[in-house]
Amino acid sequence: MSHFNRVVRVPGDPILGLMEAYRGDPNPAKLDLGVGVYKDAQGLTPIPRAVKLAEQRLVDGQTSKSYIGGHGDALFCARLAQLVLGADNPLLDARAAASQTPGGTGALRLAADFIGHCLPGRGIWLSDPTWPIHESIFAAAGLPVSHYPYVGADNRLDIEGMLAALAEIPRGDVVLLHACCHNPTGFDLGPRDWKRVLEVVKARELLPLIDFAYQGFGDGLEQDAWAVRLFAAELPELLITSSCSKNFGLYRERTGALLVCAATPEKLLDVRSQLAFLARNLWSTPPAHGAAVVASILDDAELKSLWSSELDGMRQRVASLRAGLVEALQPYGLAERFAHIGVQRGMFSYTGLSPQQVQRLRDEFSVYMVGSGRANVAGLDAERLDELAAAIAAVCR
């Protein structure tokens, strides 16, 4: 008898598959614009100096490897909640708190299980397009998954289509919103757009789940949190997922949190009891190292200042690469066609290239990006922008 006889093979993750194809490409001029990690001018994903200093302090002073509890590192949760909601936010006194998770992905899964377990019958609405893992995480938790328009056929933000769709969502459903640096498109809502979305959310009595994976990569730490803080101030209940992968460079340390804003202190305790119960069955307690690093940085004025400065440098580098690529496309008459790359935010860009053009870039020029045309701008080499522009021009003829 074979216990595994009916187990079938599933397709591999397309982005991980793209990584393997890139690694196997012998072309020394190959370019990786697929995997969503920040890269510096040398093509490396660096460890911020603030992180290295915090790690050294931890090594020197750590006295235990014991568990850190169901909600994780208390100092980490407190400081990260302040980073997201604002240090002086009155909600932090009793109506808002964070639970540590294994990365932002873990925060999303915890939110999904909470919705499925405690809010039965609620559907969740995702932008079209969205980060592909959003689809599978919520489906795996048994939630009905639907979509609202976000980017139109002209590769522009479709705010009117989005608002019209949100206005038809069943009352009480959950809507997932990207706080900044929308993945995969790079198109962000402006303040006026956010206020309009908020009014629809109020009218339809929707529960917002705000995915905040890129704080500091859009316009700045405080600026990127504007919409999150607006919703927290205007709504009695809110879920927020936060990730430290990009802004702290802690990709492999899996450091994140799920923040809850509740109507009363008592209801916050109720919700957190459920989160601890659900987390116990998912990962028991979260990993300690990354959270301790973040807590050390955010609790120390000198380290926090250094980290903030390094994050500013990363954000400015990505913005410069965006502007540089548009400029490099100018001689080919393509600057206007791809002008949106310069106004998008974060690491990703919905370039507008077709799957066929993406395949040609890979086959003819060893330029790797996701088939949808999503490119990781942070993977660009400033000294090879002219080369990339020539390749793009070749496949656009």
Protein backbone atom coordinates (compact mmCIF):
# COMPACT_ATOMS: atom_id res chain seq x y z
CA MET A 1 0.00 0.00 0.00
CA SER A 2 1.29 3.45 -0.92
CA HIS A 3 0.17 6.19 1.44
CA PHE A 4 1.40 8.84 -0.98
CA ASN A 5 0.04 7.31 -4.17
CA ARG A 6 -2.56 10.02 -4.68
CA VAL A 7 -0.26 12.91 -3.89
CA VAL A 8 0.20 14.97 -7.04
CA ARG A 9 2.87 17.49 -7.91
CA VAL A 10 1.87 21.16 -7.91
CA PRO A 11 3.53 23.83 -10.02
CA GLY A 12 6.37 25.65 -8.32
CA ASP A 13 6.11 29.30 -7.32
CA PRO A 14 6.68 31.32 -10.53
CA ILE A 15 8.95 33.87 -8.86
CA LEU A 16 11.09 31.19 -7.22
CA GLY A 17 11.21 29.45 -10.59
CA LEU A 18 12.39 32.71 -12.12
CA MET A 19 15.19 32.80 -9.55
CA GLU A 20 16.34 29.34 -10.60
CA ALA A 21 16.24 30.27 -14.29
CA TYR A 22 18.28 33.40 -13.59
CA ARG A 23 20.88 31.48 -11.62
CA GLY A 24 21.23 28.99 -14.46
CA ASP A 25 21.69 31.64 -17.14
CA PRO A 26 25.38 31.76 -18.16
CA ASN A 27 25.11 35.26 -19.64
CA PRO A 28 27.42 37.53 -17.56
CA ALA A 29 25.24 40.52 -18.49
CA LYS A 30 22.03 39.01 -17.09
CA LEU A 31 19.75 41.23 -15.02
CA ASP A 32 17.37 40.11 -12.25
CA LEU A 33 14.28 42.31 -11.96
CA GLY A 34 12.05 39.56 -10.63
CA VAL A 35 12.65 38.77 -6.98
CA GLY A 36 11.27 41.35 -4.55
CA VAL A 37 14.34 42.26 -2.53
CA TYR A 38 16.21 45.54 -2.30
CA LYS A 39 19.66 45.59 -3.93
CA ASP A 40 22.43 48.14 -3.60
CA ALA A 41 24.73 49.52 -6.31
CA GLN A 42 26.80 46.32 -6.14
CA GLY A 43 23.76 44.13 -6.72
CA LEU A 44 23.75 42.87 -3.13
CA THR A 45 20.96 42.84 -0.55
CA PRO A 46 22.81 44.59 2.30
CA ILE A 47 22.41 44.30 6.04
CA PRO A 48 21.87 47.84 7.39
CA ARG A 49 24.63 49.02 9.72
CA ALA A 50 22.03 49.73 12.40
CA VAL A 51 20.99 46.07 12.24
CA LYS A 52 24.59 44.85 12.57
CA LEU A 53 25.18 47.08 15.57
CA ALA A 54 21.95 45.94 17.23
CA GLU A 55 22.86 42.30 16.57
CA GLN A 56 26.25 42.74 18.20
CA ARG A 57 24.64 44.21 21.29
CA LEU A 58 22.28 41.26 21.42
CA VAL A 59 25.09 38.75 21.12
CA ASP A 60 26.99 40.46 23.92
CA GLY A 61 24.02 40.88 26.24
CA GLN A 62 21.62 38.02 25.54
CA THR A 63 21.24 35.64 28.47
CA SER A 64 18.52 33.25 27.29
CA LYS A 65 17.02 31.49 24.27
CA SER A 66 13.72 30.80 26.00
CA TYR A 67 10.33 31.25 24.31
CA ILE A 68 9.05 34.80 24.02
CA GLY A 69 5.30 34.16 24.41
CA GLY A 70 2.30 33.93 22.14
CA HIS A 71 2.21 37.63 21.24
CA GLY A 72 5.98 37.79 20.86
CA ASP A 73 8.53 40.30 22.09
CA ALA A 74 6.62 42.91 24.11
CA LEU A 75 9.09 45.73 23.43
CA PHE A 76 9.10 44.95 19.72
CA CYS A 77 5.30 45.01 19.61
CA ALA A 78 5.12 48.30 21.50
CA ARG A 79 7.74 50.07 19.39
CA LEU A 80 6.45 48.74 16.08
CA ALA A 81 2.91 49.85 16.96
CA GLN A 82 4.29 53.32 17.63
CA LEU A 83 6.13 53.29 14.29
CA VAL A 84 2.94 52.35 12.43
CA LEU A 85 0.33 54.39 14.31
CA GLY A 86 2.48 57.24 15.62
CA ALA A 87 4.29 57.47 18.94
CA ASP A 88 1.66 59.75 20.50
CA ASN A 89 -1.41 57.98 19.16
CA PRO A 90 -3.98 57.76 21.99
CA LEU A 91 -5.21 54.40 20.65
CA LEU A 92 -2.02 52.81 21.96
CA ASP A 93 -3.12 53.45 25.54
CA ALA A 94 -5.78 50.75 25.43
CA ARG A 95 -7.48 50.23 22.05
CA ALA A 96 -4.62 49.12 19.78
CA ALA A 97 -1.84 46.56 20.09
CA ALA A 98 0.45 44.38 17.99
CA SER A 99 1.04 40.64 17.98
CA GLN A 100 4.37 39.48 16.59
CA THR A 101 4.29 37.10 13.61
CA PRO A 102 6.76 35.28 11.34
CA GLY A 103 7.03 38.06 8.76
CA GLY A 104 4.29 40.00 7.07
CA THR A 105 3.13 36.77 5.44
CA GLY A 106 2.56 35.28 8.89
CA ALA A 107 0.59 38.38 9.86
CA LEU A 108 -1.64 37.93 6.82
CA ARG A 109 -2.22 34.27 7.63
CA LEU A 110 -3.04 35.08 11.25
CA ALA A 111 -5.49 37.73 10.04
CA ALA A 112 -7.02 35.24 7.60
CA ASP A 113 -7.51 32.62 10.29
CA PHE A 114 -8.95 35.21 12.67
CA ILE A 115 -11.50 36.31 10.06
CA GLY A 116 -12.41 32.72 9.22
CA HIS A 117 -12.64 31.63 12.86
CA CYS A 118 -14.21 34.68 14.48
CA LEU A 119 -16.07 36.39 11.62
CA PRO A 120 -17.66 33.43 9.80
CA GLY A 121 -19.31 34.13 6.47
CA ARG A 122 -17.24 37.21 5.70
CA GLY A 123 -15.65 37.44 2.27
CA ILE A 124 -12.41 39.28 1.54
CA TRP A 125 -11.87 41.62 -1.39
CA LEU A 126 -8.45 42.06 -2.99
CA SER A 127 -7.24 44.57 -5.55
CA ASP A 128 -6.91 43.40 -9.15
CA PRO A 129 -4.01 42.83 -9.42
CA THR A 130 -2.51 42.13 -6.01
CA TRP A 131 0.41 40.21 -4.52
CA PRO A 132 -0.27 36.61 -5.67
CA ILE A 133 0.27 35.20 -2.17
CA HIS A 134 -2.73 37.21 -0.97
CA GLU A 135 -4.90 34.97 -3.12
CA SER A 136 -3.60 31.69 -1.75
CA ILE A 137 -3.34 32.75 1.91
CA PHE A 138 -6.99 33.73 2.21
CA ALA A 139 -8.23 30.86 0.08
CA ALA A 140 -6.26 28.42 2.28
CA ALA A 141 -8.04 29.88 5.32
CA GLY A 142 -11.37 29.10 3.67
CA LEU A 143 -12.41 32.68 2.96
CA PRO A 144 -14.40 33.58 -0.16
CA VAL A 145 -12.00 35.71 -2.24
CA SER A 146 -13.26 38.42 -4.61
CA HIS A 147 -11.63 41.39 -6.36
CA TYR A 148 -12.10 45.08 -6.98
CA PRO A 149 -10.50 46.94 -9.93
CA TYR A 150 -7.26 48.77 -9.27
CA VAL A 151 -5.36 49.20 -12.55
CA GLY A 152 -7.15 49.61 -15.85
CA ALA A 153 -6.32 48.27 -19.30
CA ASP A 154 -4.41 51.52 -19.95
CA ASN A 155 -2.02 50.66 -17.09
CA ARG A 156 -3.28 53.54 -14.96
CA LEU A 157 -4.78 53.64 -11.48
CA ASP A 158 -8.53 53.10 -11.81
CA ILE A 159 -9.79 54.91 -8.73
CA GLU A 160 -13.32 55.35 -10.10
CA GLY A 161 -13.63 51.65 -10.88
CA MET A 162 -12.27 50.82 -7.44
CA LEU A 163 -14.76 53.06 -5.66
CA ALA A 164 -17.68 51.79 -7.70
CA ALA A 165 -16.80 48.19 -6.87
CA LEU A 166 -16.27 48.90 -3.17
CA ALA A 167 -19.71 50.51 -3.04
CA GLU A 168 -21.24 47.17 -4.07
CA ILE A 169 -19.38 44.97 -1.57
CA PRO A 170 -21.71 43.18 0.88
CA ARG A 171 -21.92 44.96 4.20
CA GLY A 172 -19.49 43.65 6.76
CA ASP A 173 -17.04 42.06 4.33
CA VAL A 174 -13.27 42.59 4.63
CA VAL A 175 -11.36 44.74 2.13
CA LEU A 176 -7.60 44.44 1.82
CA LEU A 177 -5.83 47.71 1.04
CA HIS A 178 -2.14 48.38 0.37
CA ALA A 179 -0.94 51.24 2.58
CA CYS A 180 1.82 52.30 0.18
CA CYS A 181 4.08 50.92 -2.55
CA HIS A 182 1.31 48.77 -4.01
CA ASN A 183 2.55 45.28 -4.88
CA PRO A 184 2.77 44.52 -7.80
CA THR A 185 1.87 47.77 -9.56
CA GLY A 186 3.64 50.58 -7.70
CA PHE A 187 0.54 52.76 -8.15
CA ASP A 188 -0.52 54.38 -4.85
CA LEU A 189 -3.66 56.21 -3.82
CA GLY A 190 -3.29 59.91 -3.04
CA PRO A 191 -4.74 61.59 0.09
CA ARG A 192 -7.97 62.56 -1.70
CA ASP A 193 -8.36 59.00 -3.01
CA TRP A 194 -7.86 57.57 0.47
CA LYS A 195 -10.52 59.85 1.93
CA ARG A 196 -12.98 58.73 -0.74
CA VAL A 197 -12.20 55.08 -0.03
CA LEU A 198 -12.68 55.71 3.68
CA GLU A 199 -16.15 57.14 3.08
CA VAL A 200 -17.19 54.04 1.13
CA VAL A 201 -15.74 51.78 3.83
CA LYS A 202 -17.81 53.64 6.43
CA ALA A 203 -20.98 53.57 4.33
CA ARG A 204 -20.70 49.83 3.63
CA GLU A 205 -19.51 49.04 7.18
CA LEU A 206 -16.52 47.16 5.79
CA LEU A 207 -13.59 45.91 7.87
CA PRO A 208 -10.31 47.18 6.39
CA LEU A 209 -7.24 44.97 6.48
CA ILE A 210 -4.33 47.22 5.55
CA ASP A 211 -1.17 45.51 4.31
CA PHE A 212 1.76 47.73 5.32
CA ALA A 213 4.82 45.87 4.03
CA TYR A 214 6.89 48.80 2.76
CA GLN A 215 6.83 51.56 5.36
CA GLY A 216 9.59 54.01 4.48
CA PHE A 217 10.00 52.88 0.87
CA GLY A 218 7.35 55.21 -0.61
CA ASP A 219 7.72 58.82 0.53
CA GLY A 220 9.11 58.36 4.06
CA LEU A 221 8.31 56.64 7.34
CA GLU A 222 5.74 59.19 8.49
CA GLN A 223 4.32 59.99 5.06
CA ASP A 224 3.75 56.33 4.22
CA ALA A 225 1.75 55.84 7.42
CA TRP A 226 -0.68 58.67 6.63
CA ALA A 227 -3.54 56.52 5.33
CA VAL A 228 -3.12 53.91 8.07
CA ARG A 229 -3.37 56.58 10.75
CA LEU A 230 -6.33 58.21 9.00
CA PHE A 231 -8.27 54.93 9.03
CA ALA A 232 -7.27 54.24 12.65
CA ALA A 233 -8.53 57.66 13.71
CA GLU A 234 -11.83 57.42 11.80
CA LEU A 235 -12.84 53.79 12.31
CA PRO A 236 -13.49 51.86 15.53
CA GLU A 237 -12.01 48.61 14.18
CA LEU A 238 -9.06 47.95 11.93
CA LEU A 239 -6.52 45.22 11.10
CA ILE A 240 -2.99 46.12 9.94
CA THR A 241 -0.20 43.79 8.87
CA SER A 242 3.35 45.09 9.18
CA SER A 243 6.59 43.66 7.82
CA CYS A 244 10.20 44.38 8.77
CA SER A 245 11.65 42.46 5.83
CA LYS A 246 12.28 45.39 3.51
CA ASN A 247 12.76 48.44 5.71
CA PHE A 248 15.06 46.63 8.17
CA GLY A 249 16.57 44.22 5.62
CA LEU A 250 15.46 41.28 7.79
CA TYR A 251 14.12 39.10 4.98
CA ARG A 252 15.23 35.72 6.30
CA GLU A 253 14.58 36.55 9.95
CA ARG A 254 10.80 36.57 9.29
CA THR A 255 9.82 39.55 11.42
CA GLY A 256 6.38 41.11 11.30
CA ALA A 257 3.23 41.83 13.27
CA LEU A 258 -0.54 41.97 13.12
CA LEU A 259 -1.91 45.16 14.66
CA VAL A 260 -5.50 45.35 15.88
CA CYS A 261 -7.51 48.47 16.61
CA ALA A 262 -10.70 47.72 18.56
CA ALA A 263 -13.64 49.81 19.71
CA THR A 264 -12.99 49.27 23.45
CA PRO A 265 -10.15 48.03 25.66
CA GLU A 266 -12.24 45.00 26.63
CA LYS A 267 -12.86 44.06 23.01
CA LEU A 268 -9.15 44.40 22.24
CA LEU A 269 -8.46 41.83 24.97
CA ASP A 270 -11.08 39.53 23.44
CA VAL A 271 -9.52 39.78 20.00
CA ARG A 272 -5.98 39.28 21.28
CA SER A 273 -7.04 36.17 23.18
CA GLN A 274 -8.27 34.73 19.90
CA LEU A 275 -5.07 35.71 18.09
CA ALA A 276 -2.96 33.97 20.75
CA PHE A 277 -5.13 30.86 20.43
CA LEU A 278 -4.84 30.81 16.65
CA ALA A 279 -1.10 31.53 16.69
CA ARG A 280 -0.58 28.62 19.09
CA ASN A 281 -1.89 26.31 16.40
CA LEU A 282 0.10 27.96 13.61
CA TRP A 283 3.61 28.50 15.02
CA SER A 284 3.24 28.34 18.80
CA THR A 285 5.52 31.32 19.48
CA PRO A 286 7.26 33.53 16.89
CA PRO A 287 11.03 33.64 16.28
CA ALA A 288 12.93 35.98 18.56
CA HIS A 289 16.02 37.28 16.79
CA GLY A 290 14.58 39.69 14.23
CA ALA A 291 12.12 41.15 16.70
CA ALA A 292 14.88 41.73 19.24
CA VAL A 293 16.92 43.53 16.57
CA VAL A 294 14.03 45.82 15.62
CA ALA A 295 13.20 46.49 19.27
CA SER A 296 16.82 47.40 19.97
CA ILE A 297 16.90 49.84 17.06
CA LEU A 298 13.56 51.51 17.73
CA ASP A 299 14.28 51.80 21.47
CA ASP A 300 17.63 53.52 20.99
CA ALA A 301 17.69 57.08 19.63
CA GLU A 302 21.13 56.73 18.03
CA LEU A 303 20.40 53.42 16.32
CA LYS A 304 16.97 54.60 15.20
CA SER A 305 18.47 57.72 13.64
CA LEU A 306 21.10 55.65 11.82
CA TRP A 307 18.48 53.19 10.58
CA SER A 308 16.17 55.97 9.41
CA SER A 309 19.04 57.55 7.48
CA GLU A 310 19.92 54.24 5.83
CA LEU A 311 16.28 53.68 4.90
CA ASP A 312 16.14 57.16 3.37
CA GLY A 313 19.14 56.20 1.25
CA MET A 314 17.43 53.04 0.00
CA ARG A 315 14.25 54.92 -0.87
CA GLN A 316 16.15 57.67 -2.67
CA ARG A 317 18.16 55.11 -4.65
CA VAL A 318 14.99 53.45 -5.92
CA ALA A 319 13.45 56.83 -6.84
CA SER A 320 16.63 57.76 -8.72
CA LEU A 321 16.57 54.47 -10.64
CA ARG A 322 12.98 55.09 -11.65
CA ALA A 323 13.75 58.57 -12.96
CA GLY A 324 16.94 57.33 -14.61
CA LEU A 325 15.18 54.57 -16.53
CA VAL A 326 12.54 56.96 -17.89
CA GLU A 327 15.32 59.32 -18.95
CA ALA A 328 17.23 56.48 -20.63
CA LEU A 329 14.12 55.64 -22.67
CA GLN A 330 13.91 59.21 -24.00
CA PRO A 331 16.18 58.68 -27.08
CA TYR A 332 13.89 55.85 -28.22
CA GLY A 333 10.74 57.97 -27.98
CA LEU A 334 9.47 55.85 -25.11
CA ALA A 335 9.77 58.25 -22.15
CA GLU A 336 6.11 59.27 -22.33
CA ARG A 337 4.91 55.70 -22.73
CA PHE A 338 6.79 54.64 -19.61
CA ALA A 339 6.45 57.89 -17.64
CA HIS A 340 4.37 56.04 -15.04
CA ILE A 341 7.52 54.27 -13.84
CA GLY A 342 8.75 57.61 -12.51
CA VAL A 343 5.62 58.34 -10.50
CA GLN A 344 5.07 54.87 -9.04
CA ARG A 345 6.29 54.17 -5.51
CA GLY A 346 8.26 51.40 -3.87
CA MET A 347 10.30 48.60 -5.31
CA PHE A 348 7.85 47.37 -7.91
CA SER A 349 6.62 48.71 -11.21
CA TYR A 350 3.83 47.51 -13.43
CA THR A 351 5.79 48.33 -16.57
CA GLY A 352 2.99 47.72 -19.06
CA LEU A 353 5.12 45.23 -20.99
CA SER A 354 3.17 42.26 -22.34
CA PRO A 355 3.99 38.64 -21.45
CA GLN A 356 5.41 38.22 -24.95
CA GLN A 357 7.69 41.23 -24.52
CA VAL A 358 8.79 39.97 -21.11
CA GLN A 359 9.66 36.61 -22.64
CA ARG A 360 11.69 38.30 -25.39
CA LEU A 361 13.59 40.32 -22.80
CA ARG A 362 14.49 37.08 -21.07
CA ASP A 363 15.32 35.06 -24.20
CA GLU A 364 17.19 37.75 -26.12
CA PHE A 365 18.71 39.95 -23.43
CA SER A 366 18.76 37.84 -20.22
CA VAL A 367 16.54 40.39 -18.45
CA TYR A 368 14.33 38.58 -15.95
CA MET A 369 11.01 39.92 -14.69
CA VAL A 370 7.61 38.46 -13.82
CA GLY A 371 5.41 37.53 -16.77
CA SER A 372 2.82 40.16 -15.84
CA GLY A 373 5.41 42.85 -16.60
CA ARG A 374 6.07 43.56 -12.93
CA ALA A 375 9.67 44.62 -12.46
CA ASN A 376 11.64 45.05 -9.25
CA VAL A 377 13.10 48.51 -9.80
CA ALA A 378 15.44 47.97 -6.84
CA GLY A 379 17.17 45.27 -8.92
CA LEU A 380 18.35 47.80 -11.51
CA ASP A 381 21.98 48.78 -11.99
CA ALA A 382 22.32 52.54 -12.44
CA GLU A 383 25.24 52.02 -14.83
CA ARG A 384 23.20 49.71 -17.06
CA LEU A 385 20.06 51.78 -17.52
CA ASP A 386 20.98 52.65 -21.13
CA GLU A 387 21.50 48.95 -21.83
CA LEU A 388 18.12 48.07 -20.34
CA ALA A 389 16.42 50.91 -22.21
CA ALA A 390 17.84 49.59 -25.49
CA ALA A 391 16.50 46.12 -24.71
CA ILE A 392 13.06 47.48 -23.87
CA ALA A 393 13.06 49.54 -27.08
CA ALA A 394 13.96 46.41 -29.08
CA VAL A 395 11.01 44.38 -27.78
CA CYS A 396 8.62 47.34 -28.15
CA ARG A 397 9.26 47.84 -31.87
